[in-house]
């Protein structure tokens, strides 16, 4: 266990007992404990395998390549339709963790083997993401914007497409697009 991660468990609040149990379970697998994104992250040779995190309604064990695991117990959850690789096991109390202890270890070991094998999750190509009609119209009328968008990395392109298309109303999509045009023109991503 890594002492720099202790503060997360000391300040855990609502899920403290559950987090401590998950920490013990995952630490027993021999993975290295680190702190990433403010959460305990367990790695193998610097590669992320599993992360402990909490939300208002549940705490979870997130498997970075969970889509590749054999979910024999049908307990892995895809957080949203846009999440391609990661999957969670969610918990709402300590008993659930205790009941699944053997299964959790099995899944962690399998995730480790997946990482060692070098298998990658097949990711959707940028062109497979929905192109909002409002953004396509802007790209068609502004060649500079189109070129700037096409030179962005695929990840930055996807982030913009997801952000724009997630708005339910056309006027909201248009407002989002207008807001980010200057950023796209300077070659920056959504969160840069």
Foldseek 3Di string as FASTA:
>chain_A
DDPVLVVCLVPVPPCNVVVVLVCVLLVVLVFDWDADPNWTFTHDPPHTAWTWADDDQWTKIKGQQVVPFDPVVPQWADPDPQRQGMTIRTDRDNVVCVVCSVVVNVRSVRSVVCVVVVDDGDDDFLVVQDAPPLVVVVCVVDVLLVVLLVPADRVLNNVLSCVLVVDPDPVVSNVSCVVCSVVSSVRHGPVD
